[in-house]
Amino acid sequence: MAPAASRMGAKALYRILVVDDEKAVLEVIHEMIAGQGYRCESTTSSVDALQRIKREKYDAIVLDVFMPEISGMLFHAKLRMMDAELYKHTIFISGYVSLAELREHLNSSPAFLEKPFKAKDLVQMIAKTLPATPRNA
């Protein structure tokens, strides 16, 4: 197998969940991730995302901060109790980071991208955020 093909094969072992209430944004992010060879699932519902996490193991999560059902911050707190490993592999995204306290919290997170962001920035962030080995391997 060629080196590029083997890298793509290894990426396919990683499962990434994307949660964003804006359907158009969700679809673009999903395509960015899937286009890199990762297994990607996505949902516009934070409640649905929590249910999926109860049933499935994911290697990373891309999480919008502002969502109607459960905010990204509250979601992340729940995630800590449900799946401490996934909690450590969260990438926060937001286009609304004007509140000083929120910005400070997000800046303390090692993985935060402000919308709009470039595909290469998301891909690099995912590569840094993923665990060394896939959880389902």
N, C-alpha and C. Protein backbone atom coordinates (compact mmCIF):
# COMPACT_ATOMS: atom_id res chain seq x y z
N MET A 1 0.85 -1.18 0.00
CA MET A 1 0.00 0.00 0.00
C MET A 1 0.89 1.24 0.00
N ALA A 2 0.52 2.21 -0.78
CA ALA A 2 1.29 3.45 -0.87
C ALA A 2 1.17 4.21 0.45
N PRO A 3 2.20 5.01 0.81
CA PRO A 3 2.15 5.75 2.08
C PRO A 3 0.90 6.61 2.23
N ALA A 4 0.51 7.33 1.19
CA ALA A 4 -0.69 8.18 1.29
C ALA A 4 -1.93 7.32 1.53
N ALA A 5 -2.00 6.19 0.86
CA ALA A 5 -3.15 5.31 1.02
C ALA A 5 -3.19 4.72 2.43
N SER A 6 -2.01 4.39 2.99
CA SER A 6 -2.00 3.83 4.34
C SER A 6 -2.39 4.89 5.37
N ARG A 7 -2.00 6.16 5.14
CA ARG A 7 -2.42 7.23 6.05
C ARG A 7 -3.93 7.39 6.00
N MET A 8 -4.50 7.34 4.80
CA MET A 8 -5.95 7.46 4.66
C MET A 8 -6.63 6.28 5.35
N GLY A 9 -6.05 5.08 5.24
CA GLY A 9 -6.62 3.91 5.89
C GLY A 9 -6.60 4.05 7.40
N ALA A 10 -5.52 4.58 7.95
CA ALA A 10 -5.42 4.79 9.40
C ALA A 10 -6.43 5.83 9.86
N LYS A 11 -6.62 6.86 9.07
CA LYS A 11 -7.59 7.90 9.43
C LYS A 11 -9.00 7.32 9.51
N ALA A 12 -9.30 6.34 8.67
CA ALA A 12 -10.64 5.75 8.63
C ALA A 12 -10.98 5.01 9.92
N LEU A 13 -9.98 4.73 10.75
CA LEU A 13 -10.23 4.07 12.03
C LEU A 13 -10.73 5.05 13.09
N TYR A 14 -10.50 6.34 12.87
CA TYR A 14 -10.92 7.36 13.83
C TYR A 14 -12.35 7.81 13.56
N ARG A 15 -13.14 7.92 14.64
CA ARG A 15 -14.52 8.38 14.54
C ARG A 15 -14.64 9.76 15.18
N ILE A 16 -15.20 10.69 14.42
CA ILE A 16 -15.34 12.06 14.88
C ILE A 16 -16.82 12.44 14.81
N LEU A 17 -17.31 13.04 15.89
CA LEU A 17 -18.68 13.52 15.95
C LEU A 17 -18.67 15.04 15.86
N VAL A 18 -19.52 15.57 14.99
CA VAL A 18 -19.64 17.02 14.83
C VAL A 18 -21.03 17.44 15.31
N VAL A 19 -21.07 18.46 16.17
CA VAL A 19 -22.34 18.95 16.71
C VAL A 19 -22.42 20.46 16.47
N ASP A 20 -23.36 20.86 15.62
CA ASP A 20 -23.56 22.28 15.32
C ASP A 20 -25.01 22.45 14.90
N ASP A 21 -25.72 23.41 15.49
CA ASP A 21 -27.14 23.58 15.19
C ASP A 21 -27.39 24.24 13.84
N GLU A 22 -26.37 24.80 13.22
CA GLU A 22 -26.53 25.40 11.89
C GLU A 22 -26.26 24.33 10.84
N LYS A 23 -27.33 23.87 10.19
CA LYS A 23 -27.23 22.74 9.26
C LYS A 23 -26.22 22.97 8.14
N ALA A 24 -26.20 24.15 7.56
CA ALA A 24 -25.27 24.42 6.46
C ALA A 24 -23.82 24.34 6.95
N VAL A 25 -23.55 24.89 8.12
CA VAL A 25 -22.20 24.84 8.70
C VAL A 25 -21.84 23.39 9.02
N LEU A 26 -22.79 22.66 9.59
CA LEU A 26 -22.58 21.26 9.94
C LEU A 26 -22.19 20.44 8.70
N GLU A 27 -22.89 20.66 7.61
CA GLU A 27 -22.62 19.92 6.38
C GLU A 27 -21.22 20.22 5.84
N VAL A 28 -20.82 21.48 5.89
CA VAL A 28 -19.49 21.86 5.40
C VAL A 28 -18.40 21.22 6.26
N ILE A 29 -18.56 21.29 7.58
CA ILE A 29 -17.56 20.71 8.48
C ILE A 29 -17.50 19.20 8.29
N HIS A 30 -18.67 18.57 8.15
CA HIS A 30 -18.72 17.12 7.92
C HIS A 30 -17.92 16.76 6.66
N GLU A 31 -18.13 17.49 5.60
CA GLU A 31 -17.42 17.23 4.34
C GLU A 31 -15.91 17.45 4.49
N MET A 32 -15.52 18.50 5.23
CA MET A 32 -14.09 18.76 5.46
C MET A 32 -13.44 17.55 6.14
N ILE A 33 -14.11 17.01 7.14
CA ILE A 33 -13.56 15.91 7.93
C ILE A 33 -13.59 14.60 7.14
N ALA A 34 -14.75 14.29 6.56
CA ALA A 34 -14.88 13.06 5.79
C ALA A 34 -13.94 13.08 4.58
N GLY A 35 -13.76 14.26 4.00
CA GLY A 35 -12.86 14.40 2.85
C GLY A 35 -11.40 14.09 3.18
N GLN A 36 -11.06 14.14 4.45
CA GLN A 36 -9.71 13.79 4.90
C GLN A 36 -9.57 12.30 5.19
N GLY A 37 -10.67 11.56 5.08
CA GLY A 37 -10.63 10.11 5.28
C GLY A 37 -11.08 9.64 6.65
N TYR A 38 -11.48 10.57 7.52
CA TYR A 38 -11.97 10.18 8.85
C TYR A 38 -13.42 9.71 8.75
N ARG A 39 -13.83 8.83 9.67
CA ARG A 39 -15.23 8.46 9.79
C ARG A 39 -15.91 9.57 10.57
N CYS A 40 -16.89 10.18 9.97
CA CYS A 40 -17.52 11.37 10.57
C CYS A 40 -19.02 11.17 10.68
N GLU A 41 -19.55 11.51 11.84
CA GLU A 41 -20.99 11.56 12.06
C GLU A 41 -21.31 12.97 12.50
N SER A 42 -22.52 13.42 12.20
CA SER A 42 -22.87 14.79 12.57
C SER A 42 -24.33 14.88 12.95
N THR A 43 -24.61 15.87 13.79
CA THR A 43 -25.98 16.12 14.23
C THR A 43 -26.15 17.59 14.57
N THR A 44 -27.36 18.09 14.35
CA THR A 44 -27.67 19.47 14.72
C THR A 44 -28.20 19.56 16.15
N SER A 45 -28.37 18.41 16.80
CA SER A 45 -28.97 18.37 18.13
C SER A 45 -27.97 17.94 19.19
N SER A 46 -27.80 18.78 20.20
CA SER A 46 -26.89 18.42 21.29
C SER A 46 -27.47 17.26 22.11
N VAL A 47 -28.80 17.18 22.21
CA VAL A 47 -29.44 16.07 22.92
C VAL A 47 -29.17 14.76 22.17
N ASP A 48 -29.33 14.78 20.86
CA ASP A 48 -29.03 13.61 20.05
C ASP A 48 -27.55 13.21 20.19
N ALA A 49 -26.68 14.19 20.21
CA ALA A 49 -25.25 13.91 20.36
C ALA A 49 -24.96 13.19 21.67
N LEU A 50 -25.57 13.62 22.76
CA LEU A 50 -25.37 12.95 24.05
C LEU A 50 -25.88 11.52 24.00
N GLN A 51 -27.00 11.28 23.33
CA GLN A 51 -27.52 9.92 23.20
C GLN A 51 -26.57 9.05 22.38
N ARG A 52 -26.01 9.62 21.32
CA ARG A 52 -25.05 8.87 20.51
C ARG A 52 -23.81 8.50 21.33
N ILE A 53 -23.35 9.43 22.15
CA ILE A 53 -22.15 9.20 22.96
C ILE A 53 -22.39 8.10 23.99
N LYS A 54 -23.62 7.96 24.44
CA LYS A 54 -23.96 6.86 25.36
C LYS A 54 -23.83 5.51 24.67
N ARG A 55 -24.12 5.46 23.36
CA ARG A 55 -24.13 4.20 22.61
C ARG A 55 -22.82 3.89 21.90
N GLU A 56 -22.09 4.91 21.52
CA GLU A 56 -20.92 4.75 20.64
C GLU A 56 -19.67 5.37 21.25
N LYS A 57 -18.51 4.92 20.79
CA LYS A 57 -17.24 5.53 21.19
C LYS A 57 -16.73 6.39 20.03
N TYR A 58 -16.41 7.63 20.36
CA TYR A 58 -15.84 8.56 19.38
C TYR A 58 -14.44 8.94 19.83
N ASP A 59 -13.60 9.28 18.86
CA ASP A 59 -12.22 9.66 19.17
C ASP A 59 -12.07 11.15 19.39
N ALA A 60 -12.96 11.94 18.80
CA ALA A 60 -12.93 13.39 18.98
C ALA A 60 -14.32 13.93 18.69
N ILE A 61 -14.57 15.14 19.20
CA ILE A 61 -15.84 15.80 18.95
C ILE A 61 -15.56 17.26 18.58
N VAL A 62 -16.24 17.72 17.55
CA VAL A 62 -16.19 19.12 17.14
C VAL A 62 -17.52 19.71 17.62
N LEU A 63 -17.45 20.67 18.54
CA LEU A 63 -18.62 21.11 19.29
C LEU A 63 -18.84 22.61 19.20
N ASP A 64 -20.00 22.99 18.68
CA ASP A 64 -20.36 24.41 18.64
C ASP A 64 -20.65 24.88 20.06
N VAL A 65 -20.27 26.09 20.38
CA VAL A 65 -20.46 26.63 21.72
C VAL A 65 -21.91 27.05 21.95
N PHE A 66 -22.53 27.72 20.99
CA PHE A 66 -23.88 28.23 21.16
C PHE A 66 -24.88 27.37 20.41
N MET A 67 -25.67 26.60 21.16
CA MET A 67 -26.70 25.74 20.59
C MET A 67 -27.97 25.92 21.42
N PRO A 68 -29.15 25.72 20.80
CA PRO A 68 -30.40 26.02 21.50
C PRO A 68 -30.77 25.04 22.62
N GLU A 69 -30.58 23.75 22.44
CA GLU A 69 -31.04 22.78 23.45
C GLU A 69 -30.15 22.77 24.68
N ILE A 70 -28.87 22.58 24.46
CA ILE A 70 -27.87 22.54 25.52
C ILE A 70 -26.66 23.31 25.01
N SER A 71 -26.18 24.27 25.76
CA SER A 71 -25.02 25.04 25.30
C SER A 71 -23.79 24.14 25.21
N GLY A 72 -22.84 24.54 24.42
CA GLY A 72 -21.60 23.77 24.30
C GLY A 72 -20.87 23.61 25.62
N MET A 73 -20.92 24.65 26.47
CA MET A 73 -20.25 24.59 27.77
C MET A 73 -20.92 23.56 28.69
N LEU A 74 -22.26 23.57 28.74
CA LEU A 74 -22.99 22.61 29.56
C LEU A 74 -22.81 21.20 28.98
N PHE A 75 -22.86 21.09 27.67
CA PHE A 75 -22.63 19.81 27.00
C PHE A 75 -21.27 19.24 27.41
N HIS A 76 -20.27 20.10 27.38
CA HIS A 76 -18.91 19.68 27.71
C HIS A 76 -18.82 19.21 29.16
N ALA A 77 -19.53 19.89 30.06
CA ALA A 77 -19.55 19.47 31.47
C ALA A 77 -20.21 18.10 31.61
N LYS A 78 -21.30 17.87 30.89
CA LYS A 78 -21.97 16.56 30.91
C LYS A 78 -21.05 15.49 30.31
N LEU A 79 -20.35 15.87 29.25
CA LEU A 79 -19.44 14.94 28.58
C LEU A 79 -18.35 14.46 29.54
N ARG A 80 -17.90 15.33 30.40
CA ARG A 80 -16.85 14.97 31.36
C ARG A 80 -17.29 13.80 32.24
N MET A 81 -18.58 13.78 32.61
CA MET A 81 -19.12 12.71 33.44
C MET A 81 -19.41 11.45 32.63
N MET A 82 -19.81 11.62 31.38
CA MET A 82 -20.21 10.49 30.54
C MET A 82 -19.03 9.77 29.89
N ASP A 83 -18.07 10.55 29.42
CA ASP A 83 -16.95 9.98 28.65
C ASP A 83 -15.74 10.89 28.84
N ALA A 84 -15.00 10.64 29.91
CA ALA A 84 -13.87 11.49 30.27
C ALA A 84 -12.79 11.50 29.19
N GLU A 85 -12.67 10.41 28.46
CA GLU A 85 -11.66 10.36 27.39
C GLU A 85 -12.05 11.28 26.23
N LEU A 86 -13.30 11.21 25.80
CA LEU A 86 -13.76 12.09 24.72
C LEU A 86 -13.72 13.55 25.15
N TYR A 87 -14.01 13.80 26.42
CA TYR A 87 -13.96 15.15 26.99
C TYR A 87 -12.60 15.80 26.69
N LYS A 88 -11.53 15.02 26.75
CA LYS A 88 -10.17 15.54 26.52
C LYS A 88 -9.89 15.80 25.05
N HIS A 89 -10.76 15.33 24.17
CA HIS A 89 -10.52 15.42 22.73
C HIS A 89 -11.64 16.23 22.06
N THR A 90 -11.95 17.37 22.68
CA THR A 90 -13.01 18.25 22.18
C THR A 90 -12.40 19.46 21.48
N ILE A 91 -12.97 19.76 20.31
CA ILE A 91 -12.62 20.98 19.58
C ILE A 91 -13.85 21.87 19.62
N PHE A 92 -13.72 23.01 20.29
CA PHE A 92 -14.82 23.98 20.34
C PHE A 92 -14.76 24.85 19.10
N ILE A 93 -15.95 25.18 18.58
CA ILE A 93 -16.05 26.13 17.46
C ILE A 93 -17.13 27.14 17.80
N SER A 94 -16.92 28.37 17.37
CA SER A 94 -17.94 29.40 17.58
C SER A 94 -17.64 30.62 16.74
N GLY A 95 -18.70 31.28 16.32
CA GLY A 95 -18.57 32.55 15.64
C GLY A 95 -18.92 33.71 16.56
N TYR A 96 -19.32 33.38 17.79
CA TYR A 96 -19.77 34.39 18.74
C TYR A 96 -18.97 34.28 20.03
N VAL A 97 -17.84 34.91 20.07
CA VAL A 97 -17.00 34.81 21.26
C VAL A 97 -16.68 36.20 21.82
N SER A 98 -17.69 37.05 21.88
CA SER A 98 -17.45 38.41 22.33
C SER A 98 -17.46 38.54 23.86
N LEU A 99 -18.15 37.66 24.55
CA LEU A 99 -18.18 37.75 26.00
C LEU A 99 -16.81 37.39 26.58
N ALA A 100 -16.28 38.27 27.40
CA ALA A 100 -14.92 38.10 27.93
C ALA A 100 -14.75 36.78 28.69
N GLU A 101 -15.70 36.44 29.52
CA GLU A 101 -15.59 35.21 30.31
C GLU A 101 -15.58 33.97 29.41
N LEU A 102 -16.46 33.97 28.41
CA LEU A 102 -16.51 32.85 27.48
C LEU A 102 -15.21 32.75 26.69
N ARG A 103 -14.74 33.88 26.20
CA ARG A 103 -13.49 33.89 25.44
C ARG A 103 -12.34 33.37 26.30
N GLU A 104 -12.31 33.77 27.58
CA GLU A 104 -11.24 33.31 28.48
C GLU A 104 -11.31 31.79 28.66
N HIS A 105 -12.52 31.26 28.86
CA HIS A 105 -12.67 29.81 29.01
C HIS A 105 -12.22 29.09 27.75
N LEU A 106 -12.65 29.60 26.61
CA LEU A 106 -12.30 28.94 25.35
C LEU A 106 -10.81 29.06 25.05
N ASN A 107 -10.23 30.18 25.39
CA ASN A 107 -8.79 30.34 25.15
C ASN A 107 -7.98 29.41 26.03
N SER A 108 -8.56 29.00 27.18
CA SER A 108 -7.86 28.05 28.03
C SER A 108 -7.99 26.63 27.49
N SER A 109 -8.95 26.42 26.60
CA SER A 109 -9.11 25.12 25.96
C SER A 109 -8.03 24.99 24.89
N PRO A 110 -7.36 23.86 24.85
CA PRO A 110 -6.31 23.72 23.85
C PRO A 110 -6.84 23.65 22.43
N ALA A 111 -8.14 23.41 22.27
CA ALA A 111 -8.69 23.25 20.93
C ALA A 111 -9.90 24.15 20.73
N PHE A 112 -9.68 25.29 20.09
CA PHE A 112 -10.77 26.21 19.79
C PHE A 112 -10.52 26.87 18.45
N LEU A 113 -11.56 26.88 17.61
CA LEU A 113 -11.50 27.57 16.33
C LEU A 113 -12.66 28.56 16.25
N GLU A 114 -12.33 29.77 15.85
CA GLU A 114 -13.36 30.79 15.69
C GLU A 114 -13.86 30.74 14.25
N LYS A 115 -15.20 30.69 14.09
CA LYS A 115 -15.82 30.70 12.76
C LYS A 115 -15.73 32.10 12.19
N PRO A 116 -15.54 32.25 10.91
CA PRO A 116 -15.25 31.17 9.96
C PRO A 116 -13.78 30.76 10.06
N PHE A 117 -13.52 29.50 9.84
CA PHE A 117 -12.14 29.02 9.86
C PHE A 117 -11.85 28.30 8.54
N LYS A 118 -10.59 28.11 8.28
CA LYS A 118 -10.16 27.44 7.04
C LYS A 118 -10.12 25.94 7.26
N ALA A 119 -10.37 25.19 6.20
CA ALA A 119 -10.35 23.73 6.27
C ALA A 119 -9.02 23.24 6.82
N LYS A 120 -7.91 23.84 6.37
CA LYS A 120 -6.59 23.38 6.83
C LYS A 120 -6.41 23.57 8.33
N ASP A 121 -7.02 24.63 8.89
CA ASP A 121 -6.93 24.86 10.34
C ASP A 121 -7.70 23.79 11.10
N LEU A 122 -8.88 23.42 10.59
CA LEU A 122 -9.66 22.36 11.23
C LEU A 122 -8.92 21.03 11.14
N VAL A 123 -8.39 20.71 9.99
CA VAL A 123 -7.66 19.45 9.79
C VAL A 123 -6.45 19.38 10.71
N GLN A 124 -5.71 20.47 10.83
CA GLN A 124 -4.56 20.49 11.74
C GLN A 124 -4.98 20.33 13.19
N MET A 125 -6.07 20.97 13.57
CA MET A 125 -6.57 20.88 14.94
C MET A 125 -7.02 19.45 15.24
N ILE A 126 -7.69 18.82 14.31
CA ILE A 126 -8.12 17.43 14.50
C ILE A 126 -6.90 16.53 14.68
N ALA A 127 -5.90 16.69 13.84
CA ALA A 127 -4.69 15.86 13.94
C ALA A 127 -4.04 16.00 15.31
N LYS A 128 -4.04 17.21 15.86
CA LYS A 128 -3.44 17.44 17.19
C LYS A 128 -4.32 16.92 18.32
N THR A 129 -5.62 16.89 18.10
CA THR A 129 -6.58 16.56 19.15
C THR A 129 -6.85 15.06 19.29
N LEU A 130 -6.72 14.32 18.20
CA LEU A 130 -7.03 12.89 18.24
C LEU A 130 -6.11 12.13 19.19
N PRO A 131 -6.62 11.08 19.82
CA PRO A 131 -5.75 10.24 20.65
C PRO A 131 -4.74 9.51 19.77
N ALA A 132 -3.69 8.98 20.36
CA ALA A 132 -2.63 8.30 19.61
C ALA A 132 -3.17 7.09 18.84
N THR A 133 -4.11 6.39 19.44
CA THR A 133 -4.72 5.23 18.75
C THR A 133 -6.24 5.36 18.81
N PRO A 134 -6.92 4.90 17.77
CA PRO A 134 -8.39 4.97 17.76
C PRO A 134 -8.99 4.13 18.89
N ARG A 135 -10.05 4.60 19.46
CA ARG A 135 -10.68 3.90 20.59
C ARG A 135 -11.39 2.62 20.17
N ASN A 136 -11.78 2.53 18.92
CA ASN A 136 -12.51 1.36 18.44
C ASN A 136 -11.62 0.36 17.70
N ALA A 137 -10.33 0.62 17.69
CA ALA A 137 -9.42 -0.25 16.91
C ALA A 137 -9.18 -1.56 17.63
